[in-house]
Amino acid sequence: MSENISNLTATTFDEEVGASEAPVLVDFWAEWCGPCKMIAPILDEIAEEQGDKLKIAKVNVDEAGELAQRYGVMSIPTLLVFTGGNLDEPAKRMVGASGKAKLLEDLAEYIDA
């Protein structure tokens, strides 16, 4: 995993996501999830290229199930975008693995803002 991606837990989530001035893309994933492993290197690349505009973080649903439940994550990978420190409702929800081009397209409004 890239040093540009944070690992969040139930104790660090609110502070890290809520305090971020940049939009935060949170990847809800698990070690045993094949599609999660497929998008991990793509998220690493995006974090490397867009790190000044978009923060990327990961939440392992096996270790922080309460966060998955809090945001209604039913399948993984689920990617949630949080903006303006608003933890109540994600600005965007993407479910399933996508290629880099599709992810960048889906995130364009947050990266280009």
PDB file of N, CA and C in Angstrom:
ATOM      1  N   MET A   1       0.842  -1.187   0.000  1.00  0.00           N
ATOM      2  CA  MET A   1       0.000   0.000   0.000  1.00  0.00           C
ATOM      3  C   MET A   1       0.883   1.246   0.000  1.00  0.00           C
ATOM      4  N   SER A   2       0.460   2.235  -0.725  1.00  0.00           N
ATOM      5  CA  SER A   2       1.191   3.488  -0.864  1.00  0.00           C
ATOM      6  C   SER A   2       1.250   4.240   0.463  1.00  0.00           C
ATOM      7  N   GLU A   3       2.346   4.959   0.649  1.00  0.00           N
ATOM      8  CA  GLU A   3       2.443   5.798   1.847  1.00  0.00           C
ATOM      9  C   GLU A   3       1.486   6.987   1.753  1.00  0.00           C
ATOM     10  N   ASN A   4       0.871   7.179   0.584  1.00  0.00           N
ATOM     11  CA  ASN A   4      -0.099   8.257   0.397  1.00  0.00           C
ATOM     12  C   ASN A   4      -1.517   7.854   0.795  1.00  0.00           C
ATOM     13  N   ILE A   5      -1.692   6.611   1.249  1.00  0.00           N
ATOM     14  CA  ILE A   5      -3.013   6.125   1.646  1.00  0.00           C
ATOM     15  C   ILE A   5      -3.011   5.854   3.145  1.00  0.00           C
ATOM     16  N   SER A   6      -4.013   6.387   3.834  1.00  0.00           N
ATOM     17  CA  SER A   6      -4.133   6.188   5.280  1.00  0.00           C
ATOM     18  C   SER A   6      -4.972   4.956   5.562  1.00  0.00           C
ATOM     19  N   ASN A   7      -4.615   4.242   6.602  1.00  0.00           N
ATOM     20  CA  ASN A   7      -5.444   3.155   7.119  1.00  0.00           C
ATOM     21  C   ASN A   7      -6.253   3.716   8.270  1.00  0.00           C
ATOM     22  N   LEU A   8      -7.563   3.686   8.154  1.00  0.00           N
ATOM     23  CA  LEU A   8      -8.409   4.245   9.201  1.00  0.00           C
ATOM     24  C   LEU A   8      -9.038   3.156  10.048  1.00  0.00           C
ATOM     25  N   THR A   9      -9.247   3.478  11.309  1.00  0.00           N
ATOM     26  CA  THR A   9      -9.933   2.590  12.244  1.00  0.00           C
ATOM     27  C   THR A   9     -11.129   3.352  12.802  1.00  0.00           C
ATOM     28  N   ALA A  10     -11.915   2.675  13.601  1.00  0.00           N
ATOM     29  CA  ALA A  10     -13.076   3.328  14.210  1.00  0.00           C
ATOM     30  C   ALA A  10     -12.639   4.515  15.070  1.00  0.00           C
ATOM     31  N   THR A  11     -11.449   4.442  15.654  1.00  0.00           N
ATOM     32  CA  THR A  11     -10.988   5.533  16.519  1.00  0.00           C
ATOM     33  C   THR A  11     -10.365   6.686  15.746  1.00  0.00           C
ATOM     34  N   THR A  12      -9.862   6.448  14.539  1.00  0.00           N
ATOM     35  CA  THR A  12      -9.204   7.522  13.775  1.00  0.00           C
ATOM     36  C   THR A  12     -10.082   8.095  12.662  1.00  0.00           C
ATOM     37  N   PHE A  13     -11.160   7.410  12.303  1.00  0.00           N
ATOM     38  CA  PHE A  13     -11.978   7.794  11.146  1.00  0.00           C
ATOM     39  C   PHE A  13     -12.509   9.220  11.246  1.00  0.00           C
ATOM     40  N   ASP A  14     -13.263   9.518  12.298  1.00  0.00           N
ATOM     41  CA  ASP A  14     -13.912  10.826  12.417  1.00  0.00           C
ATOM     42  C   ASP A  14     -12.899  11.960  12.390  1.00  0.00           C
ATOM     43  N   GLU A  15     -11.799  11.778  13.106  1.00  0.00           N
ATOM     44  CA  GLU A  15     -10.787  12.825  13.189  1.00  0.00           C
ATOM     45  C   GLU A  15     -10.117  13.058  11.835  1.00  0.00           C
ATOM     46  N   GLU A  16      -9.675  11.996  11.183  1.00  0.00           N
ATOM     47  CA  GLU A  16      -8.940  12.142   9.919  1.00  0.00           C
ATOM     48  C   GLU A  16      -9.831  12.623   8.782  1.00  0.00           C
ATOM     49  N   VAL A  17     -11.004  12.042   8.655  1.00  0.00           N
ATOM     50  CA  VAL A  17     -11.903  12.419   7.561  1.00  0.00           C
ATOM     51  C   VAL A  17     -12.534  13.784   7.841  1.00  0.00           C
ATOM     52  N   GLY A  18     -12.959  13.995   9.065  1.00  0.00           N
ATOM     53  CA  GLY A  18     -13.618  15.247   9.421  1.00  0.00           C
ATOM     54  C   GLY A  18     -12.699  16.455   9.371  1.00  0.00           C
ATOM     55  N   ALA A  19     -11.413  16.258   9.622  1.00  0.00           N
ATOM     56  CA  ALA A  19     -10.461  17.367   9.651  1.00  0.00           C
ATOM     57  C   ALA A  19      -9.843  17.677   8.294  1.00  0.00           C
ATOM     58  N   SER A  20     -10.081  16.830   7.311  1.00  0.00           N
ATOM     59  CA  SER A  20      -9.444  17.017   6.012  1.00  0.00           C
ATOM     60  C   SER A  20     -10.079  18.160   5.235  1.00  0.00           C
ATOM     61  N   GLU A  21      -9.230  19.050   4.737  1.00  0.00           N
ATOM     62  CA  GLU A  21      -9.727  20.130   3.882  1.00  0.00           C
ATOM     63  C   GLU A  21      -9.992  19.629   2.470  1.00  0.00           C
ATOM     64  N   ALA A  22      -9.242  18.612   2.057  1.00  0.00           N
ATOM     65  CA  ALA A  22      -9.433  18.026   0.724  1.00  0.00           C
ATOM     66  C   ALA A  22     -10.531  16.966   0.810  1.00  0.00           C
ATOM     67  N   PRO A  23     -11.196  16.679  -0.306  1.00  0.00           N
ATOM     68  CA  PRO A  23     -12.139  15.556  -0.306  1.00  0.00           C
ATOM     69  C   PRO A  23     -11.402  14.264   0.070  1.00  0.00           C
ATOM     70  N   VAL A  24     -12.113  13.355   0.738  1.00  0.00           N
ATOM     71  CA  VAL A  24     -11.516  12.089   1.160  1.00  0.00           C
ATOM     72  C   VAL A  24     -12.274  10.938   0.509  1.00  0.00           C
ATOM     73  N   LEU A  25     -11.539  10.105  -0.216  1.00  0.00           N
ATOM     74  CA  LEU A  25     -12.092   8.879  -0.793  1.00  0.00           C
ATOM     75  C   LEU A  25     -11.759   7.753   0.172  1.00  0.00           C
ATOM     76  N   VAL A  26     -12.792   7.113   0.721  1.00  0.00           N
ATOM     77  CA  VAL A  26     -12.580   6.025   1.669  1.00  0.00           C
ATOM     78  C   VAL A  26     -12.968   4.711   0.995  1.00  0.00           C
ATOM     79  N   ASP A  27     -12.009   3.804   0.955  1.00  0.00           N
ATOM     80  CA  ASP A  27     -12.188   2.477   0.360  1.00  0.00           C
ATOM     81  C   ASP A  27     -12.507   1.493   1.481  1.00  0.00           C
ATOM     82  N   PHE A  28     -13.738   0.973   1.484  1.00  0.00           N
ATOM     83  CA  PHE A  28     -14.121  -0.088   2.419  1.00  0.00           C
ATOM     84  C   PHE A  28     -13.766  -1.403   1.750  1.00  0.00           C
ATOM     85  N   TRP A  29     -12.888  -2.183   2.364  1.00  0.00           N
ATOM     86  CA  TRP A  29     -12.319  -3.370   1.737  1.00  0.00           C
ATOM     87  C   TRP A  29     -12.089  -4.475   2.777  1.00  0.00           C
ATOM     88  N   ALA A  30     -11.653  -5.640   2.287  1.00  0.00           N
ATOM     89  CA  ALA A  30     -11.243  -6.747   3.166  1.00  0.00           C
ATOM     90  C   ALA A  30     -10.130  -7.524   2.469  1.00  0.00           C
ATOM     91  N   GLU A  31      -9.305  -8.170   3.262  1.00  0.00           N
ATOM     92  CA  GLU A  31      -8.157  -8.930   2.757  1.00  0.00           C
ATOM     93  C   GLU A  31      -8.585 -10.045   1.804  1.00  0.00           C
ATOM     94  N   TRP A  32      -9.724 -10.668   2.064  1.00  0.00           N
ATOM     95  CA  TRP A  32     -10.191 -11.825   1.288  1.00  0.00           C
ATOM     96  C   TRP A  32     -10.963 -11.443   0.024  1.00  0.00           C
ATOM     97  N   CYS A  33     -11.127 -10.152  -0.226  1.00  0.00           N
ATOM     98  CA  CYS A  33     -11.962  -9.663  -1.328  1.00  0.00           C
ATOM     99  C   CYS A  33     -11.133  -9.508  -2.607  1.00  0.00           C
ATOM    100  N   GLY A  34     -11.425 -10.324  -3.613  1.00  0.00           N
ATOM    101  CA  GLY A  34     -10.704 -10.267  -4.885  1.00  0.00           C
ATOM    102  C   GLY A  34     -10.799  -8.920  -5.587  1.00  0.00           C
ATOM    103  N   PRO A  35     -12.023  -8.385  -5.789  1.00  0.00           N
ATOM    104  CA  PRO A  35     -12.134  -7.073  -6.440  1.00  0.00           C
ATOM    105  C   PRO A  35     -11.418  -5.959  -5.658  1.00  0.00           C
ATOM    106  N   CYS A  36     -11.374  -6.093  -4.331  1.00  0.00           N
ATOM    107  CA  CYS A  36     -10.660  -5.100  -3.514  1.00  0.00           C
ATOM    108  C   CYS A  36      -9.174  -5.114  -3.857  1.00  0.00           C
ATOM    109  N   LYS A  37      -8.636  -6.316  -4.040  1.00  0.00           N
ATOM    110  CA  LYS A  37      -7.217  -6.442  -4.400  1.00  0.00           C
ATOM    111  C   LYS A  37      -6.962  -5.903  -5.800  1.00  0.00           C
ATOM    112  N   MET A  38      -7.964  -6.016  -6.688  1.00  0.00           N
ATOM    113  CA  MET A  38      -7.813  -5.506  -8.050  1.00  0.00           C
ATOM    114  C   MET A  38      -7.709  -3.983  -8.083  1.00  0.00           C
ATOM    115  N   ILE A  39      -8.480  -3.286  -7.252  1.00  0.00           N
ATOM    116  CA  ILE A  39      -8.453  -1.823  -7.313  1.00  0.00           C
ATOM    117  C   ILE A  39      -7.369  -1.212  -6.429  1.00  0.00           C
ATOM    118  N   ALA A  40      -6.775  -1.989  -5.534  1.00  0.00           N
ATOM    119  CA  ALA A  40      -5.751  -1.439  -4.627  1.00  0.00           C
ATOM    120  C   ALA A  40      -4.616  -0.737  -5.371  1.00  0.00           C
ATOM    121  N   PRO A  41      -4.023  -1.367  -6.413  1.00  0.00           N
ATOM    122  CA  PRO A  41      -2.939  -0.655  -7.110  1.00  0.00           C
ATOM    123  C   PRO A  41      -3.429   0.584  -7.863  1.00  0.00           C
ATOM    124  N   ILE A  42      -4.677   0.566  -8.304  1.00  0.00           N
ATOM    125  CA  ILE A  42      -5.247   1.738  -8.983  1.00  0.00           C
ATOM    126  C   ILE A  42      -5.380   2.885  -7.982  1.00  0.00           C
ATOM    127  N   LEU A  43      -5.860   2.580  -6.777  1.00  0.00           N
ATOM    128  CA  LEU A  43      -5.981   3.609  -5.745  1.00  0.00           C
ATOM    129  C   LEU A  43      -4.610   4.140  -5.353  1.00  0.00           C
ATOM    130  N   ASP A  44      -3.602   3.260  -5.326  1.00  0.00           N
ATOM    131  CA  ASP A  44      -2.231   3.700  -5.048  1.00  0.00           C
ATOM    132  C   ASP A  44      -1.784   4.724  -6.085  1.00  0.00           C
ATOM    133  N   GLU A  45      -2.049   4.428  -7.353  1.00  0.00           N
ATOM    134  CA  GLU A  45      -1.663   5.343  -8.438  1.00  0.00           C
ATOM    135  C   GLU A  45      -2.383   6.680  -8.309  1.00  0.00           C
ATOM    136  N   ILE A  46      -3.678   6.623  -8.055  1.00  0.00           N
ATOM    137  CA  ILE A  46      -4.452   7.864  -7.917  1.00  0.00           C
ATOM    138  C   ILE A  46      -3.952   8.667  -6.720  1.00  0.00           C
ATOM    139  N   ALA A  47      -3.644   8.001  -5.626  1.00  0.00           N
ATOM    140  CA  ALA A  47      -3.121   8.687  -4.439  1.00  0.00           C
ATOM    141  C   ALA A  47      -1.796   9.370  -4.758  1.00  0.00           C
ATOM    142  N   GLU A  48      -0.964   8.696  -5.532  1.00  0.00           N
ATOM    143  CA  GLU A  48       0.335   9.240  -5.924  1.00  0.00           C
ATOM    144  C   GLU A  48       0.163  10.469  -6.828  1.00  0.00           C
ATOM    145  N   GLU A  49      -0.750  10.374  -7.782  1.00  0.00           N
ATOM    146  CA  GLU A  49      -0.929  11.425  -8.788  1.00  0.00           C
ATOM    147  C   GLU A  49      -1.790  12.585  -8.304  1.00  0.00           C
ATOM    148  N   GLN A  50      -2.788  12.309  -7.459  1.00  0.00           N
ATOM    149  CA  GLN A  50      -3.782  13.325  -7.075  1.00  0.00           C
ATOM    150  C   GLN A  50      -3.742  13.651  -5.587  1.00  0.00           C
ATOM    151  N   GLY A  51      -2.697  13.223  -4.907  1.00  0.00           N
ATOM    152  CA  GLY A  51      -2.626  13.367  -3.452  1.00  0.00           C
ATOM    153  C   GLY A  51      -2.769  14.776  -2.922  1.00  0.00           C
ATOM    154  N   ASP A  52      -2.436  15.767  -3.755  1.00  0.00           N
ATOM    155  CA  ASP A  52      -2.581  17.145  -3.296  1.00  0.00           C
ATOM    156  C   ASP A  52      -4.026  17.633  -3.391  1.00  0.00           C
ATOM    157  N   LYS A  53      -4.862  16.927  -4.159  1.00  0.00           N
ATOM    158  CA  LYS A  53      -6.248  17.347  -4.364  1.00  0.00           C
ATOM    159  C   LYS A  53      -7.257  16.421  -3.700  1.00  0.00           C
ATOM    160  N   LEU A  54      -6.853  15.174  -3.468  1.00  0.00           N
ATOM    161  CA  LEU A  54      -7.770  14.150  -2.967  1.00  0.00           C
ATOM    162  C   LEU A  54      -7.017  13.242  -2.005  1.00  0.00           C
ATOM    163  N   LYS A  55      -7.555  13.095  -0.812  1.00  0.00           N
ATOM    164  CA  LYS A  55      -6.958  12.186   0.161  1.00  0.00           C
ATOM    165  C   LYS A  55      -7.622  10.819   0.001  1.00  0.00           C
ATOM    166  N   ILE A  56      -6.824   9.765   0.047  1.00  0.00           N
ATOM    167  CA  ILE A  56      -7.379   8.411  -0.059  1.00  0.00           C
ATOM    168  C   ILE A  56      -7.080   7.661   1.224  1.00  0.00           C
ATOM    169  N   ALA A  57      -8.102   6.981   1.729  1.00  0.00           N
ATOM    170  CA  ALA A  57      -7.976   6.211   2.963  1.00  0.00           C
ATOM    171  C   ALA A  57      -8.683   4.872   2.789  1.00  0.00           C
ATOM    172  N   LYS A  58      -8.305   3.915   3.622  1.00  0.00           N
ATOM    173  CA  LYS A  58      -8.900   2.582   3.571  1.00  0.00           C
ATOM    174  C   LYS A  58      -9.452   2.207   4.937  1.00  0.00           C
ATOM    175  N   VAL A  59     -10.568   1.478   4.900  1.00  0.00           N
ATOM    176  CA  VAL A  59     -11.154   0.919   6.113  1.00  0.00           C
ATOM    177  C   VAL A  59     -11.338  -0.577   5.883  1.00  0.00           C
ATOM    178  N   ASN A  60     -10.674  -1.377   6.688  1.00  0.00           N
ATOM    179  CA  ASN A  60     -10.825  -2.835   6.615  1.00  0.00           C
ATOM    180  C   ASN A  60     -12.121  -3.200   7.346  1.00  0.00           C
ATOM    181  N   VAL A  61     -13.095  -3.716   6.610  1.00  0.00           N
ATOM    182  CA  VAL A  61     -14.409  -3.988   7.199  1.00  0.00           C
ATOM    183  C   VAL A  61     -14.363  -5.102   8.245  1.00  0.00           C
ATOM    184  N   ASP A  62     -13.364  -5.974   8.153  1.00  0.00           N
ATOM    185  CA  ASP A  62     -13.233  -7.027   9.156  1.00  0.00           C
ATOM    186  C   ASP A  62     -12.738  -6.473  10.488  1.00  0.00           C
ATOM    187  N   GLU A  63     -11.993  -5.379  10.431  1.00  0.00           N
ATOM    188  CA  GLU A  63     -11.445  -4.777  11.648  1.00  0.00           C
ATOM    189  C   GLU A  63     -12.298  -3.619  12.162  1.00  0.00           C
ATOM    190  N   ALA A  64     -13.098  -3.026  11.298  1.00  0.00           N
ATOM    191  CA  ALA A  64     -13.914  -1.862  11.680  1.00  0.00           C
ATOM    192  C   ALA A  64     -15.327  -2.021  11.137  1.00  0.00           C
ATOM    193  N   GLY A  65     -15.952  -3.125  11.493  1.00  0.00           N
ATOM    194  CA  GLY A  65     -17.303  -3.417  11.021  1.00  0.00           C
ATOM    195  C   GLY A  65     -18.313  -2.361  11.388  1.00  0.00           C
ATOM    196  N   GLU A  66     -18.091  -1.686  12.522  1.00  0.00           N
ATOM    197  CA  GLU A  66     -19.031  -0.646  12.945  1.00  0.00           C
ATOM    198  C   GLU A  66     -19.045   0.521  11.964  1.00  0.00           C
ATOM    199  N   LEU A  67     -17.912   0.812  11.323  1.00  0.00           N
ATOM    200  CA  LEU A  67     -17.890   1.881  10.312  1.00  0.00           C
ATOM    201  C   LEU A  67     -18.646   1.455   9.060  1.00  0.00           C
ATOM    202  N   ALA A  68     -18.463   0.210   8.660  1.00  0.00           N
ATOM    203  CA  ALA A  68     -19.195  -0.302   7.499  1.00  0.00           C
ATOM    204  C   ALA A  68     -20.696  -0.236   7.774  1.00  0.00           C
ATOM    205  N   GLN A  69     -21.094  -0.614   8.969  1.00  0.00           N
ATOM    206  CA  GLN A  69     -22.504  -0.575   9.335  1.00  0.00           C
ATOM    207  C   GLN A  69     -23.015   0.870   9.381  1.00  0.00           C
ATOM    208  N   ARG A  70     -22.226   1.760   9.925  1.00  0.00           N
ATOM    209  CA  ARG A  70     -22.599   3.182  10.046  1.00  0.00           C
ATOM    210  C   ARG A  70     -22.934   3.795   8.685  1.00  0.00           C
ATOM    211  N   TYR A  71     -22.192   3.379   7.646  1.00  0.00           N
ATOM    212  CA  TYR A  71     -22.409   3.945   6.319  1.00  0.00           C
ATOM    213  C   TYR A  71     -23.136   2.998   5.372  1.00  0.00           C
ATOM    214  N   GLY A  72     -23.728   1.954   5.901  1.00  0.00           N
ATOM    215  CA  GLY A  72     -24.555   1.066   5.096  1.00  0.00           C
ATOM    216  C   GLY A  72     -23.789   0.327   4.017  1.00  0.00           C
ATOM    217  N   VAL A  73     -22.541  -0.017   4.294  1.00  0.00           N
ATOM    218  CA  VAL A  73     -21.727  -0.752   3.324  1.00  0.00           C
ATOM    219  C   VAL A  73     -22.162  -2.212   3.353  1.00  0.00           C
ATOM    220  N   MET A  74     -22.775  -2.664   2.257  1.00  0.00           N
ATOM    221  CA  MET A  74     -23.305  -4.021   2.169  1.00  0.00           C
ATOM    222  C   MET A  74     -22.415  -4.933   1.341  1.00  0.00           C
ATOM    223  N   SER A  75     -21.684  -4.357   0.394  1.00  0.00           N
ATOM    224  CA  SER A  75     -20.767  -5.155  -0.415  1.00  0.00           C
ATOM    225  C   SER A  75     -19.481  -4.361  -0.595  1.00  0.00           C
ATOM    226  N   ILE A  76     -18.418  -5.086  -0.844  1.00  0.00           N
ATOM    227  CA  ILE A  76     -17.128  -4.436  -1.004  1.00  0.00           C
ATOM    228  C   ILE A  76     -16.507  -4.838  -2.330  1.00  0.00           C
ATOM    229  N   PRO A  77     -15.688  -3.994  -2.911  1.00  0.00           N
ATOM    230  CA  PRO A  77     -15.307  -2.678  -2.381  1.00  0.00           C
ATOM    231  C   PRO A  77     -16.433  -1.650  -2.544  1.00  0.00           C
ATOM    232  N   THR A  78     -16.561  -0.818  -1.527  1.00  0.00           N
ATOM    233  CA  THR A  78     -17.413   0.362  -1.601  1.00  0.00           C
ATOM    234  C   THR A  78     -16.510   1.556  -1.369  1.00  0.00           C
ATOM    235  N   LEU A  79     -16.598   2.532  -2.263  1.00  0.00           N
ATOM    236  CA  LEU A  79     -15.801   3.747  -2.166  1.00  0.00           C
ATOM    237  C   LEU A  79     -16.739   4.903  -1.847  1.00  0.00           C
ATOM    238  N   LEU A  80     -16.459   5.597  -0.757  1.00  0.00           N
ATOM    239  CA  LEU A  80     -17.275   6.747  -0.356  1.00  0.00           C
ATOM    240  C   LEU A  80     -16.413   7.995  -0.398  1.00  0.00           C
ATOM    241  N   VAL A  81     -16.978   9.083  -0.911  1.00  0.00           N
ATOM    242  CA  VAL A  81     -16.279  10.363  -0.925  1.00  0.00           C
ATOM    243  C   VAL A  81     -16.930  11.271   0.115  1.00  0.00           C
ATOM    244  N   PHE A  82     -16.090  11.827   0.982  1.00  0.00           N
ATOM    245  CA  PHE A  82     -16.553  12.771   2.000  1.00  0.00           C
ATOM    246  C   PHE A  82     -15.948  14.137   1.687  1.00  0.00           C
ATOM    247  N   THR A  83     -16.752  15.189   1.795  1.00  0.00           N
ATOM    248  CA  THR A  83     -16.266  16.538   1.508  1.00  0.00           C
ATOM    249  C   THR A  83     -16.620  17.479   2.650  1.00  0.00           C
ATOM    250  N   GLY A  84     -15.797  18.490   2.808  1.00  0.00           N
ATOM    251  CA  GLY A  84     -16.089  19.552   3.772  1.00  0.00           C
ATOM    252  C   GLY A  84     -16.206  19.085   5.201  1.00  0.00           C
ATOM    253  N   GLY A  85     -15.591  17.969   5.538  1.00  0.00           N
ATOM    254  CA  GLY A  85     -15.658  17.473   6.907  1.00  0.00           C
ATOM    255  C   GLY A  85     -17.004  16.898   7.299  1.00  0.00           C
ATOM    256  N   ASN A  86     -17.916  16.764   6.345  1.00  0.00           N
ATOM    257  CA  ASN A  86     -19.253  16.230   6.622  1.00  0.00           C
ATOM    258  C   ASN A  86     -19.180  14.708   6.749  1.00  0.00           C
ATOM    259  N   LEU A  87     -19.365  14.210   7.955  1.00  0.00           N
ATOM    260  CA  LEU A  87     -19.316  12.770   8.208  1.00  0.00           C
ATOM    261  C   LEU A  87     -20.693  12.127   8.196  1.00  0.00           C
ATOM    262  N   ASP A  88     -21.741  12.945   8.140  1.00  0.00           N
ATOM    263  CA  ASP A  88     -23.094  12.400   8.213  1.00  0.00           C
ATOM    264  C   ASP A  88     -23.499  11.672   6.938  1.00  0.00           C
ATOM    265  N   GLU A  89     -23.172  12.261   5.806  1.00  0.00           N
ATOM    266  CA  GLU A  89     -23.606  11.697   4.534  1.00  0.00           C
ATOM    267  C   GLU A  89     -22.485  11.822   3.508  1.00  0.00           C
ATOM    268  N   PRO A  90     -22.050  10.701   2.940  1.00  0.00           N
ATOM    269  CA  PRO A  90     -21.026  10.788   1.899  1.00  0.00           C
ATOM    270  C   PRO A  90     -21.537  11.582   0.698  1.00  0.00           C
ATOM    271  N   ALA A  91     -20.648  12.337   0.060  1.00  0.00           N
ATOM    272  CA  ALA A  91     -21.007  13.112  -1.127  1.00  0.00           C
ATOM    273  C   ALA A  91     -21.207  12.199  -2.333  1.00  0.00           C
ATOM    274  N   LYS A  92     -20.536  11.048  -2.335  1.00  0.00           N
ATOM    275  CA  LYS A  92     -20.632  10.117  -3.460  1.00  0.00           C
ATOM    276  C   LYS A  92     -20.388   8.701  -2.949  1.00  0.00           C
ATOM    277  N   ARG A  93     -21.066   7.738  -3.577  1.00  0.00           N
ATOM    278  CA  ARG A  93     -20.920   6.320  -3.244  1.00  0.00           C
ATOM    279  C   ARG A  93     -20.705   5.546  -4.539  1.00  0.00           C
ATOM    280  N   MET A  94     -19.649   4.739  -4.560  1.00  0.00           N
ATOM    281  CA  MET A  94     -19.353   3.885  -5.714  1.00  0.00           C
ATOM    282  C   MET A  94     -19.161   2.465  -5.183  1.00  0.00           C
ATOM    283  N   VAL A  95     -19.859   1.519  -5.785  1.00  0.00           N
ATOM    284  CA  VAL A  95     -19.787   0.132  -5.329  1.00  0.00           C
ATOM    285  C   VAL A  95     -19.201  -0.729  -6.443  1.00  0.00           C
ATOM    286  N   GLY A  96     -18.249  -1.562  -6.084  1.00  0.00           N
ATOM    287  CA  GLY A  96     -17.631  -2.461  -7.052  1.00  0.00           C
ATOM    288  C   GLY A  96     -16.316  -1.909  -7.563  1.00  0.00           C
ATOM    289  N   ALA A  97     -15.566  -2.786  -8.213  1.00  0.00           N
ATOM    290  CA  ALA A  97     -14.266  -2.401  -8.750  1.00  0.00           C
ATOM    291  C   ALA A  97     -14.443  -1.753 -10.113  1.00  0.00           C
ATOM    292  N   SER A  98     -13.688  -0.697 -10.347  1.00  0.00           N
ATOM    293  CA  SER A  98     -13.689  -0.009 -11.637  1.00  0.00           C
ATOM    294  C   SER A  98     -12.254   0.165 -12.087  1.00  0.00           C
ATOM    295  N   GLY A  99     -12.083   0.383 -13.374  1.00  0.00           N
ATOM    296  CA  GLY A  99     -10.767   0.703 -13.894  1.00  0.00           C
ATOM    297  C   GLY A  99     -10.378   2.122 -13.516  1.00  0.00           C
ATOM    298  N   LYS A 100      -9.117   2.453 -13.739  1.00  0.00           N
ATOM    299  CA  LYS A 100      -8.604   3.768 -13.369  1.00  0.00           C
ATOM    300  C   LYS A 100      -9.334   4.895 -14.093  1.00  0.00           C
ATOM    301  N   ALA A 101      -9.554   4.732 -15.405  1.00  0.00           N
ATOM    302  CA  ALA A 101     -10.213   5.787 -16.174  1.00  0.00           C
ATOM    303  C   ALA A 101     -11.611   6.074 -15.632  1.00  0.00           C
ATOM    304  N   LYS A 102     -12.361   5.037 -15.321  1.00  0.00           N
ATOM    305  CA  LYS A 102     -13.717   5.199 -14.791  1.00  0.00           C
ATOM    306  C   LYS A 102     -13.679   5.853 -13.405  1.00  0.00           C
ATOM    307  N   LEU A 103     -12.749   5.411 -12.568  1.00  0.00           N
ATOM    308  CA  LEU A 103     -12.632   6.010 -11.239  1.00  0.00           C
ATOM    309  C   LEU A 103     -12.302   7.495 -11.332  1.00  0.00           C
ATOM    310  N   LEU A 104     -11.335   7.836 -12.190  1.00  0.00           N
ATOM    311  CA  LEU A 104     -10.972   9.245 -12.346  1.00  0.00           C
ATOM    312  C   LEU A 104     -12.148  10.059 -12.888  1.00  0.00           C
ATOM    313  N   GLU A 105     -12.913   9.455 -13.785  1.00  0.00           N
ATOM    314  CA  GLU A 105     -14.100  10.125 -14.312  1.00  0.00           C
ATOM    315  C   GLU A 105     -15.113  10.369 -13.188  1.00  0.00           C
ATOM    316  N   ASP A 106     -15.340   9.349 -12.354  1.00  0.00           N
ATOM    317  CA  ASP A 106     -16.280   9.474 -11.246  1.00  0.00           C
ATOM    318  C   ASP A 106     -15.814  10.484 -10.198  1.00  0.00           C
ATOM    319  N   LEU A 107     -14.497  10.660 -10.082  1.00  0.00           N
ATOM    320  CA  LEU A 107     -13.933  11.551  -9.068  1.00  0.00           C
ATOM    321  C   LEU A 107     -13.599  12.938  -9.604  1.00  0.00           C
ATOM    322  N   ALA A 108     -13.813  13.160 -10.896  1.00  0.00           N
ATOM    323  CA  ALA A 108     -13.384  14.405 -11.542  1.00  0.00           C
ATOM    324  C   ALA A 108     -13.902  15.653 -10.836  1.00  0.00           C
ATOM    325  N   GLU A 109     -15.143  15.633 -10.391  1.00  0.00           N
ATOM    326  CA  GLU A 109     -15.714  16.835  -9.765  1.00  0.00           C
ATOM    327  C   GLU A 109     -15.001  17.180  -8.460  1.00  0.00           C
ATOM    328  N   TYR A 110     -14.369  16.205  -7.818  1.00  0.00           N
ATOM    329  CA  TYR A 110     -13.656  16.446  -6.561  1.00  0.00           C
ATOM    330  C   TYR A 110     -12.190  16.785  -6.821  1.00  0.00           C
ATOM    331  N   ILE A 111     -11.617  16.194  -7.864  1.00  0.00           N
ATOM    332  CA  ILE A 111     -10.218  16.432  -8.194  1.00  0.00           C
ATOM    333  C   ILE A 111     -10.043  17.792  -8.873  1.00  0.00           C
ATOM    334  N   ASP A 112     -10.985  18.137  -9.736  1.00  0.00           N
ATOM    335  CA  ASP A 112     -10.881  19.366 -10.519  1.00  0.00           C
ATOM    336  C   ASP A 112     -11.446  20.595  -9.814  1.00  0.00           C
ATOM    337  N   ALA A 113     -12.039  20.379  -8.663  1.00  0.00           N
ATOM    338  CA  ALA A 113     -12.694  21.495  -7.962  1.00  0.00           C
ATOM    339  C   ALA A 113     -11.692  22.527  -7.471  1.00  0.00           C
TER     340      ALA A 113
END
